[in-house]
Amino acid sequence: MKKYVLLFFGLGFTQAVCAQALKQLTFRKQMISSESAESVGVFDVNGDRVPDIVSGSYWYEGPLYQKRHLIGQIKRVSEYFDDFSTVPFDVNGDGKMDYITGGWFNKKLLWRENPGTNGEWTEHEIFETGNIETTRAWDVDGDGIDEIVPNTPKQPLVYYTLILDQNKKSTGKFAPTKVADTHGHGLGFGDINGDGRGDFIVADGWLEAPEDRKNKPWTHHAAFKLGDAGVPIIVTDVNKDGLNDIIVGQGHTYGLDWYEQKRNGKTITFVKHPIDPFQSQYHTMAWVDIDNDGENELITGKRFRAHNGNDPGEFDPVGLYYFKWNGESFTKNFISYGPYGEGKGAGIYFSVADLRNSGKKDIIVAGKDGLAIFFNEGH
């Protein structure tokens, strides 16, 4: 009898643990627009302390996101809106959030000035850069203010620093700093060698930051070949061994992998581990605590029609996922999946934000398959 009771308790305990382990978040999808811009940002446009959604030619007023306002007519080339990021940044220091973008076709880094409630947004050129795949903001020099870093394949890797006047006020201008003469498809930033300075991760290795980042050369380490890597390449200690690893999606082919950092003395190498080899066009991702358990999850998905029907897997089902590290590997959790019109992809730049002040982070995704919110309803 005792053995039976113990077996029953053990079975029930095991089932409870498994159920807890398999418990997934649920998301409620709300389509916002059928516009096919591939980038979306979230910030308070009109100063009412409610997050708004900014994507392509329009911004959508929170909290309902049904009323839209014209930003300006964004140039369209073939299937693309030439608008490949939405980086929130108060460039002119007027207290209203602007945003930074850039295009593949116009080859320019730009910022669009927030006029407040009414009127179109004035567009300002920062620099001519060459083709921009997308853009991200990272604090490269460690001063607490983000630099702007466009991924410009086959062009120099350059970051742009906001220029402040003698009173520490914004001038609305940026100063360029060149890191490398050229770089490829894909870009990440984070401290690889543990010296407290962020390094750049590029398609053919990592660039070690010198102490004097603006004036001294960055050292290239050819530790890996990442192919057509997406943006961003995530830098984080995946397996909690004290060494930062990298997570890489293939932007135009199949594959999502993490590269485990190994040390032999001062020599740094990486071992590749697959996360999901079955999905193509993992062009962008975020490393965020989406389930409020204190640990970050990997959020990513397919960029629908990244090359207008010419990439491997273009006609596979479209999906958006979060991957949870279980201590040994990543477990794939589905947020959205299915053919076009049913499944939803991640575009080229998406946002994660608590839109409802609910304490739960929502996911906002744009793309050639439309603009949508996935409201996080928890477990």
Protein backbone atom coordinates (compact mmCIF):
# COMPACT_ATOMS: atom_id res chain seq x y z
CA MET A 1 0.00 0.00 0.00
CA LYS A 2 2.81 2.38 0.88
CA LYS A 3 4.55 1.67 -2.42
CA TYR A 4 1.31 2.41 -4.30
CA VAL A 5 0.85 5.73 -2.50
CA LEU A 6 4.42 6.75 -3.17
CA LEU A 7 4.13 5.79 -6.83
CA PHE A 8 0.90 7.75 -7.17
CA PHE A 9 2.45 10.80 -5.52
CA GLY A 10 5.54 10.50 -7.68
CA LEU A 11 3.49 10.24 -10.86
CA GLY A 12 1.34 13.22 -9.88
CA PHE A 13 4.40 15.27 -9.00
CA THR A 14 6.03 14.40 -12.34
CA GLN A 15 2.88 15.32 -14.25
CA ALA A 16 2.65 18.64 -12.41
CA VAL A 17 6.28 19.48 -13.19
CA CYS A 18 5.82 18.53 -16.86
CA ALA A 19 2.63 20.57 -17.12
CA GLN A 20 4.41 23.56 -15.63
CA ALA A 21 7.34 23.11 -17.99
CA LEU A 22 5.04 22.86 -21.00
CA LYS A 23 2.84 25.78 -19.99
CA GLN A 24 3.03 28.40 -22.73
CA LEU A 25 2.07 32.02 -22.95
CA THR A 26 -1.05 32.88 -24.90
CA PHE A 27 -1.28 35.88 -27.22
CA ARG A 28 -4.25 37.71 -28.69
CA LYS A 29 -3.68 38.99 -32.21
CA GLN A 30 -5.00 42.38 -33.30
CA MET A 31 -4.40 43.44 -36.89
CA ILE A 32 -3.71 47.17 -37.11
CA SER A 33 -3.16 47.70 -40.81
CA SER A 34 -2.54 45.93 -44.09
CA GLU A 35 0.31 48.36 -44.85
CA SER A 36 3.44 46.48 -45.91
CA ALA A 37 6.16 48.55 -44.23
CA GLU A 38 8.61 46.17 -42.53
CA SER A 39 9.60 48.20 -39.47
CA VAL A 40 7.65 49.30 -36.40
CA GLY A 41 8.56 51.33 -33.32
CA VAL A 42 6.67 52.07 -30.14
CA PHE A 43 6.84 55.39 -28.27
CA ASP A 44 4.61 58.22 -27.04
CA VAL A 45 4.16 60.49 -30.06
CA ASN A 46 1.60 62.99 -28.75
CA GLY A 47 2.67 63.36 -25.13
CA ASP A 48 -0.40 61.73 -23.54
CA ARG A 49 1.76 59.11 -21.78
CA VAL A 50 0.14 56.32 -23.77
CA PRO A 51 2.37 54.29 -26.14
CA ASP A 52 1.73 54.85 -29.83
CA ILE A 53 2.79 52.70 -32.79
CA VAL A 54 4.95 54.16 -35.58
CA SER A 55 5.33 52.25 -38.85
CA GLY A 56 5.97 53.32 -42.40
CA SER A 57 3.93 56.34 -43.47
CA TYR A 58 1.73 56.45 -40.37
CA TRP A 59 1.56 56.50 -36.61
CA TYR A 60 -1.31 54.80 -34.79
CA GLU A 61 -2.73 56.42 -31.69
CA GLY A 62 -2.92 54.40 -28.50
CA PRO A 63 -4.60 52.86 -26.64
CA LEU A 64 -6.93 51.51 -29.37
CA TYR A 65 -4.54 51.87 -32.35
CA GLN A 66 -7.42 52.42 -34.73
CA LYS A 67 -6.88 56.11 -35.50
CA ARG A 68 -3.89 56.70 -37.75
CA HIS A 69 -2.00 59.88 -38.60
CA LEU A 70 0.18 60.60 -41.62
CA ILE A 71 3.93 60.88 -41.01
CA GLY A 72 4.70 61.42 -44.69
CA GLN A 73 4.70 59.42 -47.88
CA ILE A 74 7.59 56.98 -47.61
CA LYS A 75 9.28 56.14 -50.90
CA ARG A 76 8.35 52.76 -52.31
CA VAL A 77 10.63 50.67 -54.54
CA SER A 78 9.24 47.40 -55.92
CA GLU A 79 7.70 45.61 -52.91
CA TYR A 80 9.69 47.64 -50.37
CA PHE A 81 9.04 50.76 -48.40
CA ASP A 82 12.52 52.31 -48.22
CA ASP A 83 12.29 52.51 -44.45
CA PHE A 84 14.27 49.83 -42.66
CA SER A 85 14.21 50.79 -38.98
CA THR A 86 12.21 52.80 -36.44
CA VAL A 87 14.71 53.68 -33.68
CA PRO A 88 13.11 56.00 -31.07
CA PHE A 89 15.51 58.90 -30.40
CA ASP A 90 14.88 62.50 -29.30
CA VAL A 91 17.42 63.87 -31.75
CA ASN A 92 16.86 67.61 -31.27
CA GLY A 93 16.30 67.45 -27.51
CA ASP A 94 12.89 69.14 -27.57
CA GLY A 95 11.25 66.51 -25.37
CA LYS A 96 9.31 64.93 -28.24
CA MET A 97 10.45 61.52 -29.41
CA ASP A 98 11.70 61.41 -33.00
CA TYR A 99 12.96 58.31 -34.78
CA ILE A 100 15.90 57.22 -36.90
CA THR A 101 15.69 55.16 -40.04
CA GLY A 102 17.49 54.58 -43.30
CA GLY A 103 16.94 52.95 -46.65
CA TRP A 104 18.55 50.41 -48.91
CA PHE A 105 17.69 52.38 -52.01
CA ASN A 106 18.27 55.99 -50.94
CA LYS A 107 21.53 54.96 -49.18
CA LYS A 108 21.02 57.53 -46.43
CA LEU A 109 20.73 57.51 -42.64
CA LEU A 110 17.80 59.78 -41.71
CA TRP A 111 15.82 61.06 -38.77
CA ARG A 112 12.21 62.15 -38.82
CA GLU A 113 11.21 65.02 -36.55
CA ASN A 114 8.12 64.64 -34.37
CA PRO A 115 5.85 67.69 -34.85
CA GLY A 116 3.50 66.71 -32.04
CA THR A 117 -0.16 66.05 -32.71
CA ASN A 118 -0.57 67.54 -36.17
CA GLY A 119 1.32 67.77 -39.41
CA GLU A 120 3.75 65.66 -41.38
CA TRP A 121 7.18 64.87 -39.98
CA THR A 122 10.19 66.74 -41.36
CA GLU A 123 12.89 64.42 -42.68
CA HIS A 124 16.54 65.23 -41.92
CA GLU A 125 19.59 63.58 -43.46
CA ILE A 126 22.30 62.42 -41.05
CA PHE A 127 24.82 60.96 -43.52
CA GLU A 128 25.08 59.20 -46.84
CA THR A 129 26.12 55.69 -45.87
CA GLY A 130 25.53 53.33 -48.79
CA ASN A 131 22.80 50.67 -48.78
CA ILE A 132 21.30 50.25 -45.30
CA GLU A 133 20.03 46.77 -44.42
CA THR A 134 18.64 48.08 -41.11
CA THR A 135 19.80 50.21 -38.17
CA ARG A 136 20.17 49.71 -34.42
CA ALA A 137 21.11 51.85 -31.41
CA TRP A 138 23.81 50.73 -28.96
CA ASP A 139 25.91 52.61 -26.40
CA VAL A 140 29.19 51.99 -28.16
CA ASP A 141 31.38 54.42 -26.21
CA GLY A 142 29.90 53.69 -22.78
CA ASP A 143 28.75 57.24 -21.97
CA GLY A 144 25.12 56.32 -21.37
CA ILE A 145 23.87 57.72 -24.70
CA ASP A 146 23.21 55.35 -27.59
CA GLU A 147 25.09 55.58 -30.84
CA ILE A 148 23.36 54.86 -34.15
CA VAL A 149 24.78 51.93 -36.10
CA PRO A 150 23.52 51.05 -39.58
CA ASN A 151 24.30 47.68 -41.15
CA THR A 152 25.70 48.63 -44.57
CA PRO A 153 26.92 45.43 -46.30
CA LYS A 154 30.08 45.85 -48.41
CA GLN A 155 30.50 49.37 -47.00
CA PRO A 156 32.53 50.61 -44.00
CA LEU A 157 31.20 49.87 -40.51
CA VAL A 158 30.56 53.29 -38.97
CA TYR A 159 28.74 54.39 -35.83
CA TYR A 160 27.24 57.85 -35.36
CA THR A 161 27.39 59.83 -32.09
CA LEU A 162 24.99 62.63 -31.22
CA ILE A 163 26.90 65.91 -30.88
CA LEU A 164 26.16 67.91 -27.73
CA ASP A 165 26.98 71.58 -27.21
CA GLN A 166 28.97 73.00 -24.30
CA ASN A 167 25.82 72.93 -22.16
CA LYS A 168 25.26 69.24 -22.91
CA LYS A 169 22.28 70.05 -25.13
CA SER A 170 21.66 68.30 -28.42
CA THR A 171 22.78 70.01 -31.61
CA GLY A 172 20.70 67.66 -33.75
CA LYS A 173 23.89 66.60 -35.55
CA PHE A 174 25.94 63.39 -35.48
CA ALA A 175 29.66 62.63 -35.74
CA PRO A 176 30.81 59.44 -37.55
CA THR A 177 33.45 57.04 -36.25
CA LYS A 178 34.72 54.32 -38.58
CA VAL A 179 35.30 50.90 -37.04
CA ALA A 180 36.18 48.80 -40.11
CA ASP A 181 36.75 49.36 -43.82
CA THR A 182 33.98 46.93 -44.71
CA HIS A 183 31.54 44.48 -43.18
CA GLY A 184 28.93 42.01 -44.36
CA HIS A 185 25.26 41.16 -43.89
CA GLY A 186 24.42 41.08 -40.19
CA LEU A 187 25.50 43.02 -37.11
CA GLY A 188 25.56 42.69 -33.34
CA PHE A 189 27.11 44.40 -30.33
CA GLY A 190 28.20 43.18 -26.90
CA ASP A 191 31.19 42.34 -24.71
CA ILE A 192 32.80 39.18 -26.08
CA ASN A 193 36.07 39.09 -24.14
CA GLY A 194 34.83 40.37 -20.77
CA ASP A 195 36.87 43.56 -20.65
CA GLY A 196 33.81 45.74 -20.01
CA ARG A 197 33.75 47.23 -23.50
CA GLY A 198 31.22 46.31 -26.16
CA ASP A 199 32.55 44.65 -29.31
CA PHE A 200 30.95 44.45 -32.75
CA ILE A 201 29.93 41.09 -34.19
CA VAL A 202 29.99 40.93 -37.98
CA ALA A 203 29.50 38.17 -40.51
CA ASP A 204 33.16 37.11 -40.57
CA GLY A 205 34.10 37.45 -36.90
CA TRP A 206 34.13 39.97 -34.06
CA LEU A 207 35.79 43.36 -33.74
CA GLU A 208 37.45 43.92 -30.37
CA ALA A 209 36.95 47.40 -28.96
CA PRO A 210 40.10 49.29 -27.97
CA GLU A 211 40.15 51.41 -24.82
CA ASP A 212 40.12 54.53 -27.01
CA ARG A 213 37.26 53.57 -29.30
CA LYS A 214 37.28 56.71 -31.42
CA ASN A 215 40.98 56.94 -32.19
CA LYS A 216 42.51 53.47 -31.93
CA PRO A 217 41.94 50.53 -34.32
CA TRP A 218 39.45 47.79 -33.54
CA THR A 219 41.00 44.30 -33.74
CA HIS A 220 39.32 41.79 -36.02
CA HIS A 221 39.08 38.16 -34.83
CA ALA A 222 38.00 35.70 -37.55
CA ALA A 223 36.33 33.30 -35.09
CA PHE A 224 33.35 32.29 -37.25
CA LYS A 225 31.53 32.71 -40.56
CA LEU A 226 27.91 33.69 -40.08
CA GLY A 227 26.73 33.87 -43.69
CA ASP A 228 23.72 36.10 -44.27
CA ALA A 229 23.24 36.85 -40.58
CA GLY A 230 20.30 38.92 -39.44
CA VAL A 231 20.27 42.05 -37.29
CA PRO A 232 20.74 42.10 -34.41
CA ILE A 233 23.10 39.27 -33.60
CA ILE A 234 22.42 38.75 -29.89
CA VAL A 235 25.33 38.72 -27.41
CA THR A 236 24.45 37.03 -24.11
CA ASP A 237 25.61 34.29 -21.77
CA VAL A 238 23.17 31.61 -22.90
CA ASN A 239 24.38 28.71 -20.74
CA LYS A 240 25.37 30.79 -17.66
CA ASP A 241 29.03 29.75 -17.68
CA GLY A 242 30.32 33.31 -17.34
CA LEU A 243 31.21 33.70 -21.02
CA ASN A 244 29.11 35.61 -23.52
CA ASP A 245 27.79 33.58 -26.44
CA ILE A 246 26.04 34.78 -29.60
CA ILE A 247 22.67 33.97 -31.17
CA VAL A 248 22.38 34.26 -34.95
CA GLY A 249 19.51 33.96 -37.38
CA GLN A 250 20.01 33.56 -41.11
CA GLY A 251 18.30 36.52 -42.75
CA HIS A 252 17.79 35.05 -46.20
CA THR A 253 18.38 31.29 -45.86
CA TYR A 254 17.48 28.58 -43.33
CA GLY A 255 18.81 28.47 -39.81
CA LEU A 256 18.80 29.81 -36.27
CA ASP A 257 21.80 28.93 -34.08
CA TRP A 258 23.68 29.85 -30.95
CA TYR A 259 27.46 29.86 -30.79
CA GLU A 260 28.94 28.82 -27.46
CA GLN A 261 32.06 30.68 -26.41
CA LYS A 262 35.01 28.54 -25.34
CA ARG A 263 38.29 29.67 -23.76
CA ASN A 264 41.73 28.14 -23.92
CA GLY A 265 43.88 30.63 -22.07
CA LYS A 266 43.33 33.89 -23.92
CA THR A 267 42.19 32.13 -27.09
CA ILE A 268 38.47 32.53 -27.78
CA THR A 269 36.64 30.07 -30.03
CA PHE A 270 32.97 29.28 -30.64
CA VAL A 271 31.01 26.02 -30.99
CA LYS A 272 27.85 26.16 -33.10
CA HIS A 273 24.58 24.68 -31.76
CA PRO A 274 21.35 24.57 -33.79
CA ILE A 275 18.19 26.15 -32.38
CA ASP A 276 15.87 25.81 -35.37
CA PRO A 277 17.19 24.71 -38.77
CA PHE A 278 13.69 24.39 -40.27
CA GLN A 279 12.66 28.04 -40.72
CA SER A 280 14.14 30.51 -43.19
CA GLN A 281 14.55 34.31 -43.07
CA TYR A 282 15.21 34.80 -39.37
CA HIS A 283 16.15 38.40 -40.12
CA THR A 284 15.61 40.02 -36.73
CA MET A 285 15.18 39.05 -33.09
CA ALA A 286 14.93 40.31 -29.50
CA TRP A 287 16.28 38.93 -26.22
CA VAL A 288 13.60 39.88 -23.68
CA ASP A 289 11.89 38.46 -20.60
CA ILE A 290 8.50 37.88 -22.18
CA ASP A 291 7.02 35.62 -19.45
CA ASN A 292 8.19 37.61 -16.39
CA ASP A 293 10.19 34.76 -14.88
CA GLY A 294 13.38 36.82 -14.56
CA GLU A 295 15.06 35.12 -17.53
CA ASN A 296 15.16 36.40 -21.10
CA GLU A 297 13.59 34.55 -24.01
CA LEU A 298 14.48 34.74 -27.69
CA ILE A 299 11.70 36.31 -29.78
CA THR A 300 11.99 36.01 -33.54
CA GLY A 301 10.16 34.96 -36.67
CA LYS A 302 10.21 34.82 -40.42
CA ARG A 303 10.62 37.95 -42.51
CA PHE A 304 7.86 37.43 -45.05
CA ARG A 305 9.02 37.86 -48.67
CA ALA A 306 12.39 39.26 -47.61
CA HIS A 307 13.63 39.14 -51.22
CA ASN A 308 10.20 39.29 -52.84
CA GLY A 309 9.84 35.56 -53.37
CA ASN A 310 13.46 34.75 -54.21
CA ASP A 311 14.82 33.36 -50.92
CA PRO A 312 14.90 29.68 -49.91
CA GLY A 313 11.73 28.87 -48.01
CA GLU A 314 9.89 31.97 -49.21
CA PHE A 315 6.65 30.01 -49.62
CA ASP A 316 6.88 28.07 -46.37
CA PRO A 317 4.35 28.95 -43.64
CA VAL A 318 4.95 32.23 -41.84
CA GLY A 319 5.68 32.22 -38.12
CA LEU A 320 6.45 34.22 -34.99
CA TYR A 321 7.95 32.40 -31.98
CA TYR A 322 9.59 32.68 -28.62
CA PHE A 323 12.36 30.23 -27.69
CA LYS A 324 12.92 29.43 -24.03
CA TRP A 325 16.26 28.18 -22.72
CA ASN A 326 15.67 25.06 -20.62
CA GLY A 327 19.21 24.73 -19.28
CA GLU A 328 20.43 22.54 -22.13
CA SER A 329 18.71 23.76 -25.30
CA PHE A 330 16.03 26.08 -26.60
CA THR A 331 12.36 25.07 -26.63
CA LYS A 332 10.28 26.57 -29.47
CA ASN A 333 6.94 28.14 -28.53
CA PHE A 334 4.51 29.26 -31.23
CA ILE A 335 2.96 32.74 -31.12
CA SER A 336 1.64 32.67 -34.69
CA TYR A 337 2.03 30.15 -37.51
CA GLY A 338 0.39 29.37 -40.81
CA PRO A 339 0.08 30.39 -44.44
CA TYR A 340 -0.03 34.05 -45.46
CA GLY A 341 -3.10 35.68 -43.94
CA GLU A 342 -3.11 33.30 -40.98
CA GLY A 343 0.47 33.23 -39.74
CA LYS A 344 2.42 36.43 -39.08
CA GLY A 345 6.15 37.11 -39.47
CA ALA A 346 8.60 39.45 -37.75
CA GLY A 347 9.54 41.90 -40.51
CA ILE A 348 12.92 43.61 -40.33
CA TYR A 349 12.48 45.63 -37.10
CA PHE A 350 9.86 44.86 -34.45
CA SER A 351 9.11 46.11 -30.94
CA VAL A 352 8.34 44.60 -27.55
CA ALA A 353 6.47 46.89 -25.15
CA ASP A 354 3.77 46.85 -22.47
CA LEU A 355 1.08 48.67 -24.42
CA ARG A 356 -1.68 48.35 -21.80
CA ASN A 357 0.35 48.96 -18.62
CA SER A 358 -0.60 45.40 -17.67
CA GLY A 359 2.82 44.30 -16.47
CA LYS A 360 3.07 41.96 -19.47
CA LYS A 361 5.10 42.74 -22.59
CA ASP A 362 3.30 42.70 -25.94
CA ILE A 363 4.88 42.12 -29.36
CA ILE A 364 4.32 44.54 -32.23
CA VAL A 365 5.34 43.32 -35.68
CA ALA A 366 5.28 44.86 -39.15
CA GLY A 367 6.02 43.30 -42.53
CA LYS A 368 4.83 42.72 -46.04
CA ASP A 369 2.17 40.58 -44.33
CA GLY A 370 0.77 43.58 -42.43
CA LEU A 371 1.05 45.34 -39.07
CA ALA A 372 -0.18 43.53 -35.96
CA ILE A 373 -0.09 43.53 -32.19
CA PHE A 374 0.19 40.29 -30.24
CA PHE A 375 -1.19 41.13 -26.80
CA ASN A 376 0.45 39.01 -24.10
CA GLU A 377 -2.33 37.34 -22.09
CA GLY A 378 0.06 35.40 -19.84
CA HIS A 379 -0.21 31.72 -18.95
